[in-house]
Amino acid sequence: MRRAELLKVVVFCPHFQRPVSAARNLTIDRLVSCDEADACRDRNPQAEGTDPAKIFPCGCPVYPSLAK
């Protein structure tokens, strides 16, 4: 299996209010990882209603499906 090419890019993080380094998968043209995800992640997310708990802040460009 061939690995996808990753390109380092800079994106604006709404949580830190500054640019952060992330990786873009060129095969699917999508952001796939962020260098500061561990510092940004909520360690104890509270689930609201029946929706699964979200662990990243609202507006996260790298993990939008996991953002509050």
PDB file of N, CA and C in Angstrom:
ATOM      1  N   MET A   1       0.845  -1.172   0.000  1.00  0.00           N
ATOM      2  CA  MET A   1       0.000   0.000   0.000  1.00  0.00           C
ATOM      3  C   MET A   1       0.896   1.242   0.000  1.00  0.00           C
ATOM      4  N   ARG A   2       0.529   2.225  -0.793  1.00  0.00           N
ATOM      5  CA  ARG A   2       1.280   3.470  -0.870  1.00  0.00           C
ATOM      6  C   ARG A   2       0.733   4.487   0.119  1.00  0.00           C
ATOM      7  N   ARG A   3       1.609   5.160   0.813  1.00  0.00           N
ATOM      8  CA  ARG A   3       1.184   6.165   1.785  1.00  0.00           C
ATOM      9  C   ARG A   3       0.853   7.473   1.073  1.00  0.00           C
ATOM     10  N   ALA A   4      -0.106   8.193   1.619  1.00  0.00           N
ATOM     11  CA  ALA A   4      -0.503   9.478   1.049  1.00  0.00           C
ATOM     12  C   ALA A   4       0.557  10.531   1.358  1.00  0.00           C
ATOM     13  N   GLU A   5       0.716  11.460   0.445  1.00  0.00           N
ATOM     14  CA  GLU A   5       1.654  12.556   0.663  1.00  0.00           C
ATOM     15  C   GLU A   5       1.010  13.584   1.590  1.00  0.00           C
ATOM     16  N   LEU A   6       1.781  14.026   2.579  1.00  0.00           N
ATOM     17  CA  LEU A   6       1.302  15.042   3.512  1.00  0.00           C
ATOM     18  C   LEU A   6       2.106  16.317   3.301  1.00  0.00           C
ATOM     19  N   LEU A   7       1.413  17.425   3.321  1.00  0.00           N
ATOM     20  CA  LEU A   7       2.027  18.728   3.152  1.00  0.00           C
ATOM     21  C   LEU A   7       1.822  19.513   4.443  1.00  0.00           C
ATOM     22  N   LYS A   8       2.895  20.077   4.987  1.00  0.00           N
ATOM     23  CA  LYS A   8       2.766  20.914   6.180  1.00  0.00           C
ATOM     24  C   LYS A   8       2.202  22.274   5.773  1.00  0.00           C
ATOM     25  N   VAL A   9       1.161  22.710   6.480  1.00  0.00           N
ATOM     26  CA  VAL A   9       0.532  24.003   6.214  1.00  0.00           C
ATOM     27  C   VAL A   9       0.325  24.726   7.540  1.00  0.00           C
ATOM     28  N   VAL A  10       0.019  25.993   7.465  1.00  0.00           N
ATOM     29  CA  VAL A  10      -0.293  26.788   8.649  1.00  0.00           C
ATOM     30  C   VAL A  10      -1.764  27.172   8.566  1.00  0.00           C
ATOM     31  N   VAL A  11      -2.514  26.907   9.652  1.00  0.00           N
ATOM     32  CA  VAL A  11      -3.937  27.255   9.714  1.00  0.00           C
ATOM     33  C   VAL A  11      -4.189  28.081  10.960  1.00  0.00           C
ATOM     34  N   PHE A  12      -5.254  28.874  10.931  1.00  0.00           N
ATOM     35  CA  PHE A  12      -5.614  29.675  12.099  1.00  0.00           C
ATOM     36  C   PHE A  12      -6.409  28.816  13.068  1.00  0.00           C
ATOM     37  N   CYS A  13      -5.976  28.766  14.325  1.00  0.00           N
ATOM     38  CA  CYS A  13      -6.661  28.000  15.363  1.00  0.00           C
ATOM     39  C   CYS A  13      -7.568  28.934  16.159  1.00  0.00           C
ATOM     40  N   PRO A  14      -8.898  28.693  16.157  1.00  0.00           N
ATOM     41  CA  PRO A  14      -9.806  29.559  16.902  1.00  0.00           C
ATOM     42  C   PRO A  14      -9.656  29.414  18.410  1.00  0.00           C
ATOM     43  N   HIS A  15      -9.114  28.292  18.867  1.00  0.00           N
ATOM     44  CA  HIS A  15      -8.913  28.077  20.306  1.00  0.00           C
ATOM     45  C   HIS A  15      -7.740  28.891  20.832  1.00  0.00           C
ATOM     46  N   PHE A  16      -6.593  28.798  20.164  1.00  0.00           N
ATOM     47  CA  PHE A  16      -5.398  29.527  20.596  1.00  0.00           C
ATOM     48  C   PHE A  16      -5.346  30.946  20.040  1.00  0.00           C
ATOM     49  N   GLN A  17      -6.231  31.262  19.077  1.00  0.00           N
ATOM     50  CA  GLN A  17      -6.263  32.583  18.440  1.00  0.00           C
ATOM     51  C   GLN A  17      -4.919  32.937  17.800  1.00  0.00           C
ATOM     52  N   ARG A  18      -4.321  31.937  17.121  1.00  0.00           N
ATOM     53  CA  ARG A  18      -3.049  32.151  16.433  1.00  0.00           C
ATOM     54  C   ARG A  18      -2.855  31.055  15.391  1.00  0.00           C
ATOM     55  N   PRO A  19      -1.909  31.245  14.480  1.00  0.00           N
ATOM     56  CA  PRO A  19      -1.625  30.202  13.483  1.00  0.00           C
ATOM     57  C   PRO A  19      -0.949  28.990  14.129  1.00  0.00           C
ATOM     58  N   VAL A  20      -1.279  27.795  13.669  1.00  0.00           N
ATOM     59  CA  VAL A  20      -0.645  26.559  14.123  1.00  0.00           C
ATOM     60  C   VAL A  20      -0.293  25.708  12.904  1.00  0.00           C
ATOM     61  N   SER A  21       0.658  24.819  13.066  1.00  0.00           N
ATOM     62  CA  SER A  21       1.080  23.942  11.981  1.00  0.00           C
ATOM     63  C   SER A  21       0.184  22.712  11.921  1.00  0.00           C
ATOM     64  N   ALA A  22      -0.213  22.338  10.714  1.00  0.00           N
ATOM     65  CA  ALA A  22      -1.067  21.174  10.510  1.00  0.00           C
ATOM     66  C   ALA A  22      -0.589  20.438   9.262  1.00  0.00           C
ATOM     67  N   ALA A  23      -1.161  19.264   9.024  1.00  0.00           N
ATOM     68  CA  ALA A  23      -0.814  18.477   7.840  1.00  0.00           C
ATOM     69  C   ALA A  23      -2.031  18.344   6.941  1.00  0.00           C
ATOM     70  N   ARG A  24      -1.811  18.504   5.642  1.00  0.00           N
ATOM     71  CA  ARG A  24      -2.873  18.333   4.645  1.00  0.00           C
ATOM     72  C   ARG A  24      -2.547  17.098   3.826  1.00  0.00           C
ATOM     73  N   ASN A  25      -3.523  16.194   3.742  1.00  0.00           N
ATOM     74  CA  ASN A  25      -3.382  15.000   2.922  1.00  0.00           C
ATOM     75  C   ASN A  25      -3.682  15.410   1.487  1.00  0.00           C
ATOM     76  N   LEU A  26      -2.691  15.295   0.617  1.00  0.00           N
ATOM     77  CA  LEU A  26      -2.854  15.741  -0.766  1.00  0.00           C
ATOM     78  C   LEU A  26      -3.757  14.814  -1.574  1.00  0.00           C
ATOM     79  N   THR A  27      -3.872  13.557  -1.179  1.00  0.00           N
ATOM     80  CA  THR A  27      -4.712  12.612  -1.900  1.00  0.00           C
ATOM     81  C   THR A  27      -6.184  12.971  -1.768  1.00  0.00           C
ATOM     82  N   ILE A  28      -6.611  13.315  -0.554  1.00  0.00           N
ATOM     83  CA  ILE A  28      -8.022  13.643  -0.320  1.00  0.00           C
ATOM     84  C   ILE A  28      -8.252  15.145  -0.169  1.00  0.00           C
ATOM     85  N   ASP A  29      -7.162  15.936  -0.241  1.00  0.00           N
ATOM     86  CA  ASP A  29      -7.212  17.394  -0.116  1.00  0.00           C
ATOM     87  C   ASP A  29      -7.972  17.822   1.138  1.00  0.00           C
ATOM     88  N   ARG A  30      -7.503  17.319   2.283  1.00  0.00           N
ATOM     89  CA  ARG A  30      -8.157  17.641   3.560  1.00  0.00           C
ATOM     90  C   ARG A  30      -7.109  17.714   4.660  1.00  0.00           C
ATOM     91  N   LEU A  31      -7.352  18.573   5.665  1.00  0.00           N
ATOM     92  CA  LEU A  31      -6.480  18.626   6.829  1.00  0.00           C
ATOM     93  C   LEU A  31      -6.669  17.346   7.632  1.00  0.00           C
ATOM     94  N   VAL A  32      -5.559  16.726   8.059  1.00  0.00           N
ATOM     95  CA  VAL A  32      -5.664  15.443   8.738  1.00  0.00           C
ATOM     96  C   VAL A  32      -5.036  15.417  10.128  1.00  0.00           C
ATOM     97  N   SER A  33      -4.175  16.357  10.454  1.00  0.00           N
ATOM     98  CA  SER A  33      -3.598  16.391  11.799  1.00  0.00           C
ATOM     99  C   SER A  33      -3.123  17.792  12.120  1.00  0.00           C
ATOM    100  N   CYS A  34      -3.004  18.052  13.413  1.00  0.00           N
ATOM    101  CA  CYS A  34      -2.572  19.358  13.896  1.00  0.00           C
ATOM    102  C   CYS A  34      -1.482  19.126  14.936  1.00  0.00           C
ATOM    103  N   ASP A  35      -0.407  19.905  14.876  1.00  0.00           N
ATOM    104  CA  ASP A  35       0.701  19.728  15.811  1.00  0.00           C
ATOM    105  C   ASP A  35       0.320  20.054  17.253  1.00  0.00           C
ATOM    106  N   GLU A  36      -0.743  20.829  17.452  1.00  0.00           N
ATOM    107  CA  GLU A  36      -1.119  21.236  18.804  1.00  0.00           C
ATOM    108  C   GLU A  36      -2.430  20.613  19.274  1.00  0.00           C
ATOM    109  N   ALA A  37      -2.839  19.513  18.649  1.00  0.00           N
ATOM    110  CA  ALA A  37      -4.117  18.877  18.990  1.00  0.00           C
ATOM    111  C   ALA A  37      -4.166  18.412  20.441  1.00  0.00           C
ATOM    112  N   ASP A  38      -3.052  17.911  20.964  1.00  0.00           N
ATOM    113  CA  ASP A  38      -3.054  17.431  22.349  1.00  0.00           C
ATOM    114  C   ASP A  38      -3.306  18.557  23.347  1.00  0.00           C
ATOM    115  N   ALA A  39      -2.755  19.734  23.092  1.00  0.00           N
ATOM    116  CA  ALA A  39      -2.949  20.871  23.994  1.00  0.00           C
ATOM    117  C   ALA A  39      -4.350  21.461  23.862  1.00  0.00           C
ATOM    118  N   CYS A  40      -4.973  21.263  22.705  1.00  0.00           N
ATOM    119  CA  CYS A  40      -6.273  21.852  22.409  1.00  0.00           C
ATOM    120  C   CYS A  40      -7.438  20.962  22.854  1.00  0.00           C
ATOM    121  N   ARG A  41      -7.221  19.657  22.890  1.00  0.00           N
ATOM    122  CA  ARG A  41      -8.270  18.666  23.156  1.00  0.00           C
ATOM    123  C   ARG A  41      -8.811  18.784  24.577  1.00  0.00           C
ATOM    124  N   ASP A  42     -10.137  18.716  24.690  1.00  0.00           N
ATOM    125  CA  ASP A  42     -10.812  18.711  25.987  1.00  0.00           C
ATOM    126  C   ASP A  42     -10.698  17.305  26.565  1.00  0.00           C
ATOM    127  N   ARG A  43     -10.057  17.156  27.712  1.00  0.00           N
ATOM    128  CA  ARG A  43      -9.828  15.837  28.316  1.00  0.00           C
ATOM    129  C   ARG A  43     -11.088  15.226  28.926  1.00  0.00           C
ATOM    130  N   ASN A  44     -12.051  16.056  29.322  1.00  0.00           N
ATOM    131  CA  ASN A  44     -13.285  15.563  29.941  1.00  0.00           C
ATOM    132  C   ASN A  44     -14.506  16.185  29.280  1.00  0.00           C
ATOM    133  N   PRO A  45     -14.774  15.827  28.031  1.00  0.00           N
ATOM    134  CA  PRO A  45     -15.927  16.433  27.343  1.00  0.00           C
ATOM    135  C   PRO A  45     -17.240  15.963  27.963  1.00  0.00           C
ATOM    136  N   GLN A  46     -18.180  16.864  28.055  1.00  0.00           N
ATOM    137  CA  GLN A  46     -19.503  16.548  28.576  1.00  0.00           C
ATOM    138  C   GLN A  46     -20.452  16.366  27.403  1.00  0.00           C
ATOM    139  N   ALA A  47     -21.075  15.208  27.323  1.00  0.00           N
ATOM    140  CA  ALA A  47     -22.043  14.956  26.256  1.00  0.00           C
ATOM    141  C   ALA A  47     -23.307  15.754  26.530  1.00  0.00           C
ATOM    142  N   GLU A  48     -23.798  16.407  25.492  1.00  0.00           N
ATOM    143  CA  GLU A  48     -25.023  17.195  25.628  1.00  0.00           C
ATOM    144  C   GLU A  48     -26.166  16.435  24.977  1.00  0.00           C
ATOM    145  N   GLY A  49     -27.125  16.007  25.757  1.00  0.00           N
ATOM    146  CA  GLY A  49     -28.262  15.266  25.218  1.00  0.00           C
ATOM    147  C   GLY A  49     -27.830  13.900  24.723  1.00  0.00           C
ATOM    148  N   THR A  50     -28.273  13.532  23.542  1.00  0.00           N
ATOM    149  CA  THR A  50     -27.927  12.225  22.990  1.00  0.00           C
ATOM    150  C   THR A  50     -26.748  12.292  22.020  1.00  0.00           C
ATOM    151  N   ASP A  51     -26.263  13.501  21.709  1.00  0.00           N
ATOM    152  CA  ASP A  51     -25.118  13.638  20.816  1.00  0.00           C
ATOM    153  C   ASP A  51     -23.848  13.178  21.523  1.00  0.00           C
ATOM    154  N   PRO A  52     -22.920  12.598  20.776  1.00  0.00           N
ATOM    155  CA  PRO A  52     -21.645  12.226  21.402  1.00  0.00           C
ATOM    156  C   PRO A  52     -20.879  13.468  21.833  1.00  0.00           C
ATOM    157  N   ALA A  53     -20.058  13.340  22.849  1.00  0.00           N
ATOM    158  CA  ALA A  53     -19.287  14.465  23.369  1.00  0.00           C
ATOM    159  C   ALA A  53     -18.307  14.954  22.304  1.00  0.00           C
ATOM    160  N   LYS A  54     -18.152  16.256  22.202  1.00  0.00           N
ATOM    161  CA  LYS A  54     -17.221  16.857  21.256  1.00  0.00           C
ATOM    162  C   LYS A  54     -15.965  17.256  22.023  1.00  0.00           C
ATOM    163  N   ILE A  55     -14.791  17.041  21.424  1.00  0.00           N
ATOM    164  CA  ILE A  55     -13.558  17.247  22.168  1.00  0.00           C
ATOM    165  C   ILE A  55     -12.685  18.399  21.677  1.00  0.00           C
ATOM    166  N   PHE A  56     -13.080  19.076  20.590  1.00  0.00           N
ATOM    167  CA  PHE A  56     -12.317  20.213  20.101  1.00  0.00           C
ATOM    168  C   PHE A  56     -13.211  21.456  20.078  1.00  0.00           C
ATOM    169  N   PRO A  57     -12.618  22.650  20.173  1.00  0.00           N
ATOM    170  CA  PRO A  57     -13.412  23.887  20.185  1.00  0.00           C
ATOM    171  C   PRO A  57     -14.129  24.160  18.867  1.00  0.00           C
ATOM    172  N   CYS A  58     -15.181  24.918  18.962  1.00  0.00           N
ATOM    173  CA  CYS A  58     -16.003  25.298  17.803  1.00  0.00           C
ATOM    174  C   CYS A  58     -15.139  25.984  16.756  1.00  0.00           C
ATOM    175  N   GLY A  59     -15.355  25.640  15.502  1.00  0.00           N
ATOM    176  CA  GLY A  59     -14.626  26.271  14.406  1.00  0.00           C
ATOM    177  C   GLY A  59     -13.292  25.634  14.091  1.00  0.00           C
ATOM    178  N   CYS A  60     -12.973  24.504  14.716  1.00  0.00           N
ATOM    179  CA  CYS A  60     -11.691  23.841  14.476  1.00  0.00           C
ATOM    180  C   CYS A  60     -11.586  23.461  13.003  1.00  0.00           C
ATOM    181  N   PRO A  61     -10.569  23.968  12.279  1.00  0.00           N
ATOM    182  CA  PRO A  61     -10.452  23.676  10.854  1.00  0.00           C
ATOM    183  C   PRO A  61      -9.932  22.268  10.567  1.00  0.00           C
ATOM    184  N   VAL A  62      -9.273  21.639  11.533  1.00  0.00           N
ATOM    185  CA  VAL A  62      -8.668  20.329  11.314  1.00  0.00           C
ATOM    186  C   VAL A  62      -9.630  19.197  11.666  1.00  0.00           C
ATOM    187  N   TYR A  63     -10.361  19.363  12.773  1.00  0.00           N
ATOM    188  CA  TYR A  63     -11.280  18.318  13.247  1.00  0.00           C
ATOM    189  C   TYR A  63     -12.711  18.863  13.368  1.00  0.00           C
ATOM    190  N   PRO A  64     -13.316  19.305  12.276  1.00  0.00           N
ATOM    191  CA  PRO A  64     -14.643  19.933  12.377  1.00  0.00           C
ATOM    192  C   PRO A  64     -15.725  18.995  12.886  1.00  0.00           C
ATOM    193  N   SER A  65     -15.640  17.705  12.588  1.00  0.00           N
ATOM    194  CA  SER A  65     -16.685  16.786  13.050  1.00  0.00           C
ATOM    195  C   SER A  65     -16.576  16.501  14.553  1.00  0.00           C
ATOM    196  N   LEU A  66     -15.441  16.810  15.144  1.00  0.00           N
ATOM    197  CA  LEU A  66     -15.236  16.589  16.586  1.00  0.00           C
ATOM    198  C   LEU A  66     -15.321  17.888  17.378  1.00  0.00           C
ATOM    199  N   ALA A  67     -15.640  18.996  16.704  1.00  0.00           N
ATOM    200  CA  ALA A  67     -15.679  20.308  17.363  1.00  0.00           C
ATOM    201  C   ALA A  67     -17.047  20.588  17.971  1.00  0.00           C
ATOM    202  N   LYS A  68     -17.029  21.287  19.096  1.00  0.00           N
ATOM    203  CA  LYS A  68     -18.248  21.651  19.827  1.00  0.00           C
ATOM    204  C   LYS A  68     -19.067  22.628  19.024  1.00  0.00           C
TER     205      LYS A  68
END
